[in-house]
Structures are given as C-alpha cells and as structure tokens.
Amino acid sequence: MKLKPIQKLYYSIAEVSEITSLKQHVLRYWETEFDELKPSKNRAGNRIYRLNDIKLIFQIKKLLYEDKFTIDGTRKKLALLKKTKSTQIDMPFKKNERQNLFVSVKNDLNEIIEILDGNI
C-alpha cells in the first residue's frame, strides 16, 4: 500500500514558483492585482503560501495563459466563481479534448507530488 505524502502547511515563494512554473516577481505582481491572493507572512516578512493559495494561482494562470483572459477579465471571472461558490472553471471542450486535458492535469499533478517528495 502506497502512503500519501504529508503535505506541508506552508510553502515559500521559491517553492510555489517551482510548483507553478511562474517567476517570483509574477507571483508578487499578482498579489497586487488579485485581492483573493494574499499569502500570509512570517515573522521575517517572507510570504508563506497555503495549498488554497497555490490552487488559486493555478486558476489565475489558466485564465490568463490558456483562456487568454485579461487581468480585469480574470478578476471578474474569479469574482463570479466566488459568488457561485464554484471552484471549477468552465471547460467548453469536446470529449476527447477534455480527456486529454484530464490526462495532462493528472500528469502535472504527479510531477508536483514528485517535486514535493524530492524524488526528482
């Protein structure tokens, strides 16, 4: 039986940058643009991200880079998702495209788990 890895409670900006494949300055910029993205800071003033923050970053990244929303459009979409309390983003794909997307996301998540486990 394979045990699930223990997830950390907090991640540094460097770790989040590696997990999301985004530069640290992009993450800091997004904090100024999206009110929902407000990572806590530790005593030293360093950002500490929780899993929900990382999920939000992936959501923002998808809206901006894949769906080609503007920053303002992404803000509105996030507000709509929050208002409807939905964490899913509309995926207007055909069945095969959706299946390929799910396989791709699954592979990405497995890579993230390997990175977090330090197996790479």
C-alpha atoms as a PDB file:
ATOM      1  CA  MET A   1       0.000   0.000   0.000  1.00  0.00           C
ATOM      2  CA  LYS A   2       1.410   3.347  -1.044  1.00  0.00           C
ATOM      3  CA  LEU A   3       1.226   6.013   1.635  1.00  0.00           C
ATOM      4  CA  LYS A   4       0.176   9.521   0.709  1.00  0.00           C
ATOM      5  CA  PRO A   5       2.899  12.096   1.221  1.00  0.00           C
ATOM      6  CA  ILE A   6       2.351  14.565   4.029  1.00  0.00           C
ATOM      7  CA  GLN A   7       1.629  17.952   2.588  1.00  0.00           C
ATOM      8  CA  LYS A   8       3.305  20.941   4.081  1.00  0.00           C
ATOM      9  CA  LEU A   9       1.136  23.578   5.697  1.00  0.00           C
ATOM     10  CA  TYR A  10       3.137  26.429   4.202  1.00  0.00           C
ATOM     11  CA  TYR A  11       5.243  26.884   1.096  1.00  0.00           C
ATOM     12  CA  SER A  12       7.812  29.589   0.391  1.00  0.00           C
ATOM     13  CA  ILE A  13       7.574  31.787  -2.687  1.00  0.00           C
ATOM     14  CA  ALA A  14      10.516  29.872  -4.183  1.00  0.00           C
ATOM     15  CA  GLU A  15       8.677  26.568  -3.750  1.00  0.00           C
ATOM     16  CA  VAL A  16       5.462  27.997  -5.205  1.00  0.00           C
ATOM     17  CA  SER A  17       7.430  29.435  -8.098  1.00  0.00           C
ATOM     18  CA  GLU A  18       8.843  25.993  -8.856  1.00  0.00           C
ATOM     19  CA  ILE A  19       5.497  24.213  -8.427  1.00  0.00           C
ATOM     20  CA  THR A  20       3.597  26.627 -10.676  1.00  0.00           C
ATOM     21  CA  SER A  21       6.415  27.331 -13.169  1.00  0.00           C
ATOM     22  CA  LEU A  22       5.962  31.051 -12.607  1.00  0.00           C
ATOM     23  CA  LYS A  23       8.630  33.598 -11.756  1.00  0.00           C
ATOM     24  CA  GLN A  24       8.596  35.008  -8.236  1.00  0.00           C
ATOM     25  CA  HIS A  25       8.075  38.573  -9.481  1.00  0.00           C
ATOM     26  CA  VAL A  26       4.936  37.398 -11.319  1.00  0.00           C
ATOM     27  CA  LEU A  27       3.547  35.948  -8.076  1.00  0.00           C
ATOM     28  CA  ARG A  28       4.284  39.194  -6.230  1.00  0.00           C
ATOM     29  CA  TYR A  29       2.655  41.207  -9.041  1.00  0.00           C
ATOM     30  CA  TRP A  30      -0.457  39.033  -8.983  1.00  0.00           C
ATOM     31  CA  GLU A  31      -0.830  39.811  -5.273  1.00  0.00           C
ATOM     32  CA  THR A  32      -1.273  43.460  -6.206  1.00  0.00           C
ATOM     33  CA  GLU A  33      -3.801  42.659  -8.948  1.00  0.00           C
ATOM     34  CA  PHE A  34      -5.955  39.978  -7.310  1.00  0.00           C
ATOM     35  CA  ASP A  35      -7.459  40.663  -3.892  1.00  0.00           C
ATOM     36  CA  GLU A  36      -8.100  36.954  -3.356  1.00  0.00           C
ATOM     37  CA  LEU A  37      -4.365  36.208  -3.480  1.00  0.00           C
ATOM     38  CA  LYS A  38      -2.991  37.346  -0.149  1.00  0.00           C
ATOM     39  CA  PRO A  39      -0.434  34.913   1.248  1.00  0.00           C
ATOM     40  CA  SER A  40       0.415  35.342   4.907  1.00  0.00           C
ATOM     41  CA  LYS A  41       3.838  36.496   6.005  1.00  0.00           C
ATOM     42  CA  ASN A  42       6.018  35.001   8.706  1.00  0.00           C
ATOM     43  CA  ARG A  43       7.904  36.933  11.380  1.00  0.00           C
ATOM     44  CA  ALA A  44      10.728  37.652   8.966  1.00  0.00           C
ATOM     45  CA  GLY A  45       8.225  39.105   6.482  1.00  0.00           C
ATOM     46  CA  ASN A  46       8.583  36.260   3.981  1.00  0.00           C
ATOM     47  CA  ARG A  47       5.488  35.124   2.105  1.00  0.00           C
ATOM     48  CA  ILE A  48       4.048  31.787   3.157  1.00  0.00           C
ATOM     49  CA  TYR A  49       1.563  30.200   0.801  1.00  0.00           C
ATOM     50  CA  ARG A  50      -1.077  27.643   1.755  1.00  0.00           C
ATOM     51  CA  LEU A  51      -2.474  24.979  -0.537  1.00  0.00           C
ATOM     52  CA  ASN A  52      -5.533  27.152  -1.272  1.00  0.00           C
ATOM     53  CA  ASP A  53      -3.219  29.956  -2.409  1.00  0.00           C
ATOM     54  CA  ILE A  54      -1.473  27.558  -4.792  1.00  0.00           C
ATOM     55  CA  LYS A  55      -4.810  26.345  -6.179  1.00  0.00           C
ATOM     56  CA  LEU A  56      -5.825  29.957  -6.762  1.00  0.00           C
ATOM     57  CA  ILE A  57      -2.531  30.645  -8.552  1.00  0.00           C
ATOM     58  CA  PHE A  58      -3.149  27.703 -10.880  1.00  0.00           C
ATOM     59  CA  GLN A  59      -6.661  29.029 -11.520  1.00  0.00           C
ATOM     60  CA  ILE A  60      -5.346  32.515 -12.316  1.00  0.00           C
ATOM     61  CA  LYS A  61      -2.616  31.053 -14.518  1.00  0.00           C
ATOM     62  CA  LYS A  62      -5.168  29.040 -16.503  1.00  0.00           C
ATOM     63  CA  LEU A  63      -7.447  32.020 -17.003  1.00  0.00           C
ATOM     64  CA  LEU A  64      -4.609  34.299 -18.098  1.00  0.00           C
ATOM     65  CA  TYR A  65      -2.392  31.988 -20.131  1.00  0.00           C
ATOM     66  CA  GLU A  66      -4.712  29.302 -21.507  1.00  0.00           C
ATOM     67  CA  ASP A  67      -8.093  31.016 -21.697  1.00  0.00           C
ATOM     68  CA  LYS A  68      -6.459  34.338 -22.694  1.00  0.00           C
ATOM     69  CA  PHE A  69      -8.449  36.472 -20.242  1.00  0.00           C
ATOM     70  CA  THR A  70      -7.172  39.960 -19.447  1.00  0.00           C
ATOM     71  CA  ILE A  71      -6.280  40.740 -15.845  1.00  0.00           C
ATOM     72  CA  ASP A  72      -9.577  42.596 -15.463  1.00  0.00           C
ATOM     73  CA  GLY A  73     -11.457  39.720 -17.069  1.00  0.00           C
ATOM     74  CA  THR A  74      -9.722  37.266 -14.745  1.00  0.00           C
ATOM     75  CA  ARG A  75     -10.733  39.374 -11.736  1.00  0.00           C
ATOM     76  CA  LYS A  76     -14.355  39.293 -12.896  1.00  0.00           C
ATOM     77  CA  LYS A  77     -14.263  35.539 -13.559  1.00  0.00           C
ATOM     78  CA  LEU A  78     -12.783  34.873 -10.086  1.00  0.00           C
ATOM     79  CA  ALA A  79     -15.472  37.060  -8.513  1.00  0.00           C
ATOM     80  CA  LEU A  80     -18.147  35.138 -10.409  1.00  0.00           C
ATOM     81  CA  LEU A  81     -16.663  31.805  -9.300  1.00  0.00           C
ATOM     82  CA  LYS A  82     -16.508  33.026  -5.714  1.00  0.00           C
ATOM     83  CA  LYS A  83     -20.075  34.301  -5.909  1.00  0.00           C
ATOM     84  CA  THR A  84     -21.362  30.968  -7.191  1.00  0.00           C
ATOM     85  CA  LYS A  85     -19.028  29.165  -4.755  1.00  0.00           C
ATOM     86  CA  SER A  86     -17.740  27.089  -7.615  1.00  0.00           C
ATOM     87  CA  THR A  87     -14.096  26.073  -7.812  1.00  0.00           C
ATOM     88  CA  GLN A  88     -14.412  24.709 -11.318  1.00  0.00           C
ATOM     89  CA  ILE A  89     -13.686  26.709 -14.393  1.00  0.00           C
ATOM     90  CA  ASP A  90     -15.952  26.183 -17.403  1.00  0.00           C
ATOM     91  CA  MET A  91     -14.332  23.797 -19.842  1.00  0.00           C
ATOM     92  CA  PRO A  92     -16.019  24.042 -23.231  1.00  0.00           C
ATOM     93  CA  PHE A  93     -14.139  21.104 -24.743  1.00  0.00           C
ATOM     94  CA  LYS A  94     -15.142  18.133 -26.801  1.00  0.00           C
ATOM     95  CA  LYS A  95     -14.999  14.741 -25.100  1.00  0.00           C
ATOM     96  CA  ASN A  96     -11.556  13.777 -26.478  1.00  0.00           C
ATOM     97  CA  GLU A  97     -10.096  17.202 -25.710  1.00  0.00           C
ATOM     98  CA  ARG A  98     -11.468  17.015 -22.173  1.00  0.00           C
ATOM     99  CA  GLN A  99      -9.965  13.541 -21.704  1.00  0.00           C
ATOM    100  CA  ASN A 100      -6.576  14.783 -22.964  1.00  0.00           C
ATOM    101  CA  LEU A 101      -6.802  17.742 -20.598  1.00  0.00           C
ATOM    102  CA  PHE A 102      -7.549  15.476 -17.642  1.00  0.00           C
ATOM    103  CA  VAL A 103      -4.610  13.218 -18.517  1.00  0.00           C
ATOM    104  CA  SER A 104      -2.369  16.270 -18.824  1.00  0.00           C
ATOM    105  CA  VAL A 105      -3.537  17.663 -15.464  1.00  0.00           C
ATOM    106  CA  LYS A 106      -3.056  14.249 -13.834  1.00  0.00           C
ATOM    107  CA  ASN A 107       0.498  14.074 -15.178  1.00  0.00           C
ATOM    108  CA  ASP A 108       1.203  17.613 -13.952  1.00  0.00           C
ATOM    109  CA  LEU A 109      -0.130  16.769 -10.502  1.00  0.00           C
ATOM    110  CA  ASN A 110       2.017  13.636 -10.361  1.00  0.00           C
ATOM    111  CA  GLU A 111       5.058  15.748 -11.254  1.00  0.00           C
ATOM    112  CA  ILE A 112       4.182  18.206  -8.475  1.00  0.00           C
ATOM    113  CA  ILE A 113       3.903  15.323  -5.989  1.00  0.00           C
ATOM    114  CA  GLU A 114       7.321  14.044  -7.090  1.00  0.00           C
ATOM    115  CA  ILE A 115       8.814  17.525  -6.701  1.00  0.00           C
ATOM    116  CA  LEU A 116       7.323  17.878  -3.239  1.00  0.00           C
ATOM    117  CA  ASP A 117       8.578  14.408  -2.291  1.00  0.00           C
ATOM    118  CA  GLY A 118      12.049  15.320  -3.531  1.00  0.00           C
ATOM    119  CA  ASN A 119      12.157  12.292  -5.804  1.00  0.00           C
ATOM    120  CA  ILE A 120      13.251  14.197  -8.892  1.00  0.00           C
END
